[in-house]
Amino acid sequence: MRQESRWAKTAWSACWRWGPPIVWLAVISVFSTDAFSANQTGGFLIPVFRWLFPGAPPMTLDLLHGVVRKGMHVAEFAVLALLWYRAVAWGGSGWQPKAALTAFLLAAGIGALDEVHQTFAPSRTASIGDVGWDSLGAVLGLLARQVVRL
């Protein structure tokens, strides 16, 4: 095999391995901007909830909005942990506990950094509770991987 083609194969493999978690980090970063603050998502979701549940009191609509927002934390960090696991466990077979722990720590650490990032967005607030939701998502994602054998 020629040297250039070996290099291209190695580069492609690295992109395929590490690219998905890096792209997902960019998605998470976008979700951490003012465009996805509670005021912005509420402006969209509350009318949808009002349409779906016409008799619901405002407090219930606000609760639903909060549930969706926290659910997004769980979902986005479940995906992130799975992508980290895939990258770290690359080439291995079966369940790899060290790779799972590494994936969890990376996702939880990024959750903490994400909250720090939000302190710089004017309409966002940082919350240790959100780091907990992010970490829960990472755990659930890795557990789902083990149960479903993704």
Protein backbone atom coordinates (compact mmCIF):
# COMPACT_ATOMS: atom_id res chain seq x y z
CA MET A 1 0.00 0.00 0.00
CA ARG A 2 1.32 3.43 -0.89
CA GLN A 3 2.20 5.84 1.90
CA GLU A 4 -0.39 8.43 0.79
CA SER A 5 -3.18 5.88 0.79
CA ARG A 6 -2.18 4.61 4.25
CA TRP A 7 -2.25 8.19 5.52
CA ALA A 8 -5.66 8.80 3.94
CA LYS A 9 -7.03 5.62 5.51
CA THR A 10 -5.68 6.63 8.93
CA ALA A 11 -7.09 10.15 8.58
CA TRP A 12 -10.49 8.82 7.52
CA SER A 13 -10.51 6.38 10.44
CA ALA A 14 -9.68 9.18 12.90
CA CYS A 15 -12.45 11.37 11.48
CA TRP A 16 -14.95 8.52 11.65
CA ARG A 17 -13.88 7.72 15.22
CA TRP A 18 -13.63 11.20 16.76
CA GLY A 19 -15.78 13.27 14.40
CA PRO A 20 -19.22 12.32 15.76
CA PRO A 21 -18.54 13.34 19.37
CA ILE A 22 -16.87 16.55 18.18
CA VAL A 23 -19.86 17.42 15.97
CA TRP A 24 -22.23 16.63 18.85
CA LEU A 25 -20.20 18.93 21.11
CA ALA A 26 -20.86 21.70 18.58
CA VAL A 27 -24.59 20.92 18.74
CA ILE A 28 -24.51 21.10 22.55
CA SER A 29 -22.63 24.38 22.34
CA VAL A 30 -25.36 25.84 20.11
CA PHE A 31 -28.01 24.66 22.59
CA SER A 32 -26.12 26.61 25.28
CA THR A 33 -26.57 29.95 23.55
CA ASP A 34 -29.14 32.67 24.13
CA ALA A 35 -31.15 31.25 21.22
CA PHE A 36 -32.11 28.30 23.42
CA SER A 37 -32.69 30.11 26.70
CA ALA A 38 -35.84 29.36 28.70
CA ASN A 39 -37.42 32.57 27.38
CA GLN A 40 -36.77 31.57 23.78
CA THR A 41 -37.90 27.96 24.08
CA GLY A 42 -40.88 29.04 26.16
CA GLY A 43 -41.94 31.41 23.40
CA PHE A 44 -42.22 28.40 21.12
CA LEU A 45 -43.17 25.53 23.43
CA ILE A 46 -45.75 27.22 25.68
CA PRO A 47 -48.07 28.05 22.72
CA VAL A 48 -47.69 24.47 21.48
CA PHE A 49 -48.60 23.14 24.93
CA ARG A 50 -51.49 25.60 25.13
CA TRP A 51 -52.75 24.25 21.81
CA LEU A 52 -52.28 20.60 22.89
CA PHE A 53 -53.80 21.14 26.34
CA PRO A 54 -56.28 24.02 25.94
CA GLY A 55 -57.62 23.87 29.51
CA ALA A 56 -54.25 23.58 31.25
CA PRO A 57 -53.41 26.33 33.74
CA PRO A 58 -50.27 28.44 33.12
CA MET A 59 -48.45 26.67 35.97
CA THR A 60 -48.93 23.31 34.23
CA LEU A 61 -47.68 24.74 30.93
CA ASP A 62 -44.59 26.09 32.71
CA LEU A 63 -44.04 22.69 34.33
CA LEU A 64 -44.25 20.96 30.94
CA HIS A 65 -41.78 23.48 29.55
CA GLY A 66 -39.35 22.68 32.38
CA VAL A 67 -39.77 18.94 31.87
CA VAL A 68 -38.97 19.26 28.16
CA ARG A 69 -35.91 21.42 28.90
CA LYS A 70 -34.54 18.97 31.50
CA GLY A 71 -35.39 16.08 29.20
CA MET A 72 -33.26 17.69 26.53
CA HIS A 73 -30.32 17.77 28.95
CA VAL A 74 -30.77 14.05 29.53
CA ALA A 75 -31.17 13.22 25.84
CA GLU A 76 -28.28 15.30 24.51
CA PHE A 77 -25.84 13.93 27.10
CA ALA A 78 -27.04 10.35 26.61
CA VAL A 79 -26.10 10.75 22.95
CA LEU A 80 -22.79 12.38 23.89
CA ALA A 81 -21.84 9.54 26.26
CA LEU A 82 -22.68 6.98 23.57
CA LEU A 83 -20.55 8.81 21.03
CA TRP A 84 -17.65 9.07 23.49
CA TYR A 85 -17.99 5.39 24.33
CA ARG A 86 -17.92 4.51 20.64
CA ALA A 87 -14.76 6.58 20.12
CA VAL A 88 -12.94 5.40 23.24
CA ALA A 89 -13.86 1.72 22.78
CA TRP A 90 -12.94 1.85 19.08
CA GLY A 91 -11.64 -1.46 17.82
CA GLY A 92 -12.56 -3.38 20.96
CA SER A 93 -15.30 -5.90 21.38
CA GLY A 94 -17.90 -6.49 24.04
CA TRP A 95 -18.67 -4.19 26.95
CA GLN A 96 -15.61 -2.20 28.00
CA PRO A 97 -16.06 -0.83 31.53
CA LYS A 98 -13.00 1.46 31.34
CA ALA A 99 -14.27 2.95 28.10
CA ALA A 100 -17.71 3.43 29.69
CA LEU A 101 -16.20 5.18 32.71
CA THR A 102 -14.10 7.39 30.44
CA ALA A 103 -17.17 8.22 28.32
CA PHE A 104 -19.17 9.07 31.43
CA LEU A 105 -16.41 11.28 32.86
CA LEU A 106 -15.98 13.09 29.55
CA ALA A 107 -19.73 13.70 29.22
CA ALA A 108 -20.13 14.83 32.84
CA GLY A 109 -17.08 17.07 32.58
CA ILE A 110 -18.42 18.63 29.41
CA GLY A 111 -21.75 19.11 31.18
CA ALA A 112 -19.93 21.12 33.84
CA LEU A 113 -18.05 23.12 31.21
CA ASP A 114 -21.33 23.72 29.39
CA GLU A 115 -22.75 25.33 32.53
CA VAL A 116 -19.65 27.52 32.84
CA HIS A 117 -20.15 28.50 29.20
CA GLN A 118 -23.72 29.53 30.01
CA THR A 119 -22.51 32.05 32.59
CA PHE A 120 -21.21 34.09 29.64
CA ALA A 121 -24.56 34.09 27.81
CA PRO A 122 -26.66 37.05 29.03
CA SER A 123 -30.00 35.24 29.13
CA ARG A 124 -28.65 31.95 30.52
CA THR A 125 -27.88 30.86 34.05
CA ALA A 126 -25.52 28.15 35.17
CA SER A 127 -26.92 25.42 37.39
CA ILE A 128 -25.23 22.55 39.20
CA GLY A 129 -28.60 20.80 38.90
CA ASP A 130 -28.24 20.84 35.13
CA VAL A 131 -24.86 19.11 35.48
CA GLY A 132 -26.77 16.44 37.40
CA TRP A 133 -29.31 16.10 34.56
CA ASP A 134 -26.44 15.90 32.06
CA SER A 135 -24.70 13.22 34.14
CA LEU A 136 -27.95 11.28 34.48
CA GLY A 137 -28.30 11.38 30.71
CA ALA A 138 -24.77 10.05 30.29
CA VAL A 139 -25.47 7.16 32.68
CA LEU A 140 -28.79 6.35 31.02
CA GLY A 141 -27.21 6.43 27.57
CA LEU A 142 -24.48 4.01 28.61
CA LEU A 143 -26.97 1.74 30.39
CA ALA A 144 -29.17 1.74 27.30
CA ARG A 145 -26.16 0.78 25.21
CA GLN A 146 -25.51 -2.16 27.50
CA VAL A 147 -29.16 -3.28 27.54
CA VAL A 148 -29.80 -2.83 23.82
CA ARG A 149 -26.24 -3.67 22.77
CA LEU A 150 -25.93 -0.76 20.34
